[in-house]
Amino acid sequence: MTLHIDPVALLVLTIGLLVGRAVHKHTAAAAGAASKGDIVGAIGAAAAVITALFLLLTGGGSASTGEDSRPAGRTPISHQVSEVRSP
């Protein structure tokens, strides 16, 4: 089974992980030799970068909704209402 990953999504994920790693290394170096670094800050920074880049580069996942977007076999409400006859 082959899983296709969009190149833009892969780029966004890679940049986010690199930013998270950089934040972790920076906090470990700034706090001293005994510190292990701020893992929560690194995860938060990576998540923020991934979210921002995803929204900027992919359009936020918005898709145009047209007549073809409804499931097959469904009749639009406007057609159903027009077929109702008054007594």
C-alpha atoms as a PDB file:
ATOM      1  CA  MET A   1       0.000   0.000   0.000  1.00  0.00           C
ATOM      2  CA  THR A   2       1.398   3.369  -1.033  1.00  0.00           C
ATOM      3  CA  LEU A   3       0.479   6.524   0.818  1.00  0.00           C
ATOM      4  CA  HIS A   4       0.787   9.714  -1.235  1.00  0.00           C
ATOM      5  CA  ILE A   5       1.826  12.767   0.773  1.00  0.00           C
ATOM      6  CA  ASP A   6       1.412  16.130  -0.898  1.00  0.00           C
ATOM      7  CA  PRO A   7       4.808  17.839  -1.344  1.00  0.00           C
ATOM      8  CA  VAL A   8       3.511  21.088   0.182  1.00  0.00           C
ATOM      9  CA  ALA A   9       2.268  19.231   3.269  1.00  0.00           C
ATOM     10  CA  LEU A  10       5.609  17.463   3.590  1.00  0.00           C
ATOM     11  CA  LEU A  11       7.441  20.799   3.328  1.00  0.00           C
ATOM     12  CA  VAL A  12       5.188  22.366   5.981  1.00  0.00           C
ATOM     13  CA  LEU A  13       5.733  19.429   8.343  1.00  0.00           C
ATOM     14  CA  THR A  14       9.502  19.499   7.814  1.00  0.00           C
ATOM     15  CA  ILE A  15       9.757  23.235   8.486  1.00  0.00           C
ATOM     16  CA  GLY A  16       7.615  22.873  11.619  1.00  0.00           C
ATOM     17  CA  LEU A  17       9.777  20.055  12.945  1.00  0.00           C
ATOM     18  CA  LEU A  18      12.961  22.033  12.259  1.00  0.00           C
ATOM     19  CA  VAL A  19      11.576  25.062  14.110  1.00  0.00           C
ATOM     20  CA  GLY A  20      10.566  22.854  17.043  1.00  0.00           C
ATOM     21  CA  ARG A  21      14.036  21.326  17.158  1.00  0.00           C
ATOM     22  CA  ALA A  22      15.663  24.770  17.040  1.00  0.00           C
ATOM     23  CA  VAL A  23      13.484  26.046  19.897  1.00  0.00           C
ATOM     24  CA  HIS A  24      14.311  22.973  21.977  1.00  0.00           C
ATOM     25  CA  LYS A  25      18.056  23.351  21.387  1.00  0.00           C
ATOM     26  CA  HIS A  26      17.927  27.097  22.115  1.00  0.00           C
ATOM     27  CA  THR A  27      16.102  26.635  25.415  1.00  0.00           C
ATOM     28  CA  ALA A  28      18.486  23.850  26.434  1.00  0.00           C
ATOM     29  CA  ALA A  29      21.525  26.042  25.734  1.00  0.00           C
ATOM     30  CA  ALA A  30      20.056  29.158  27.365  1.00  0.00           C
ATOM     31  CA  ALA A  31      19.083  27.433  30.614  1.00  0.00           C
ATOM     32  CA  GLY A  32      22.491  25.903  31.276  1.00  0.00           C
ATOM     33  CA  ALA A  33      24.179  22.535  31.037  1.00  0.00           C
ATOM     34  CA  ALA A  34      21.866  20.795  33.529  1.00  0.00           C
ATOM     35  CA  SER A  35      18.688  21.735  31.650  1.00  0.00           C
ATOM     36  CA  LYS A  36      17.059  19.430  29.112  1.00  0.00           C
ATOM     37  CA  GLY A  37      15.267  22.232  27.278  1.00  0.00           C
ATOM     38  CA  ASP A  38      11.652  23.314  27.080  1.00  0.00           C
ATOM     39  CA  ILE A  39       9.878  20.479  25.287  1.00  0.00           C
ATOM     40  CA  VAL A  40       6.436  22.039  25.717  1.00  0.00           C
ATOM     41  CA  GLY A  41       7.608  25.307  24.174  1.00  0.00           C
ATOM     42  CA  ALA A  42       9.212  23.406  21.296  1.00  0.00           C
ATOM     43  CA  ILE A  43       6.030  21.433  20.585  1.00  0.00           C
ATOM     44  CA  GLY A  44       3.961  24.616  20.804  1.00  0.00           C
ATOM     45  CA  ALA A  45       6.273  26.463  18.418  1.00  0.00           C
ATOM     46  CA  ALA A  46       6.238  23.577  15.942  1.00  0.00           C
ATOM     47  CA  ALA A  47       2.441  23.331  16.084  1.00  0.00           C
ATOM     48  CA  ALA A  48       2.059  27.086  15.566  1.00  0.00           C
ATOM     49  CA  VAL A  49       4.416  27.110  12.581  1.00  0.00           C
ATOM     50  CA  ILE A  50       2.755  24.053  10.998  1.00  0.00           C
ATOM     51  CA  THR A  51      -0.702  25.579  11.447  1.00  0.00           C
ATOM     52  CA  ALA A  52       0.300  28.982  10.078  1.00  0.00           C
ATOM     53  CA  LEU A  53       2.094  27.550   7.052  1.00  0.00           C
ATOM     54  CA  PHE A  54      -0.739  25.132   6.326  1.00  0.00           C
ATOM     55  CA  LEU A  55      -3.267  27.963   6.324  1.00  0.00           C
ATOM     56  CA  LEU A  56      -1.043  30.217   4.191  1.00  0.00           C
ATOM     57  CA  LEU A  57       0.165  27.683   1.631  1.00  0.00           C
ATOM     58  CA  THR A  58      -2.855  25.434   1.166  1.00  0.00           C
ATOM     59  CA  GLY A  59      -5.677  27.968   1.383  1.00  0.00           C
ATOM     60  CA  GLY A  60      -6.949  26.572   4.677  1.00  0.00           C
ATOM     61  CA  GLY A  61      -8.607  23.569   3.082  1.00  0.00           C
ATOM     62  CA  SER A  62     -11.437  25.666   1.683  1.00  0.00           C
ATOM     63  CA  ALA A  63     -13.099  24.120  -1.320  1.00  0.00           C
ATOM     64  CA  SER A  64     -15.642  25.616  -3.629  1.00  0.00           C
ATOM     65  CA  THR A  65     -19.079  24.291  -2.908  1.00  0.00           C
ATOM     66  CA  GLY A  66     -21.156  23.986  -6.010  1.00  0.00           C
ATOM     67  CA  GLU A  67     -24.053  21.913  -7.229  1.00  0.00           C
ATOM     68  CA  ASP A  68     -21.746  18.937  -7.798  1.00  0.00           C
ATOM     69  CA  SER A  69     -20.670  18.807  -4.156  1.00  0.00           C
ATOM     70  CA  ARG A  70     -23.832  17.127  -2.892  1.00  0.00           C
ATOM     71  CA  PRO A  71     -23.990  13.320  -2.619  1.00  0.00           C
ATOM     72  CA  ALA A  72     -25.227  11.382  -5.631  1.00  0.00           C
ATOM     73  CA  GLY A  73     -28.909  10.532  -5.656  1.00  0.00           C
ATOM     74  CA  ARG A  74     -29.993  13.567  -3.669  1.00  0.00           C
ATOM     75  CA  THR A  75     -32.444  16.074  -5.068  1.00  0.00           C
ATOM     76  CA  PRO A  76     -31.977  19.720  -4.138  1.00  0.00           C
ATOM     77  CA  ILE A  77     -34.573  21.064  -1.704  1.00  0.00           C
ATOM     78  CA  SER A  78     -35.671  23.702  -4.204  1.00  0.00           C
ATOM     79  CA  HIS A  79     -36.732  20.953  -6.627  1.00  0.00           C
ATOM     80  CA  GLN A  80     -38.527  19.028  -3.903  1.00  0.00           C
ATOM     81  CA  VAL A  81     -40.484  22.087  -2.813  1.00  0.00           C
ATOM     82  CA  SER A  82     -41.516  23.001  -6.362  1.00  0.00           C
ATOM     83  CA  GLU A  83     -42.930  19.514  -6.918  1.00  0.00           C
ATOM     84  CA  VAL A  84     -45.319  19.795  -3.963  1.00  0.00           C
ATOM     85  CA  ARG A  85     -48.815  20.620  -5.176  1.00  0.00           C
ATOM     86  CA  SER A  86     -51.172  22.706  -3.130  1.00  0.00           C
ATOM     87  CA  PRO A  87     -54.592  21.097  -2.357  1.00  0.00           C
END
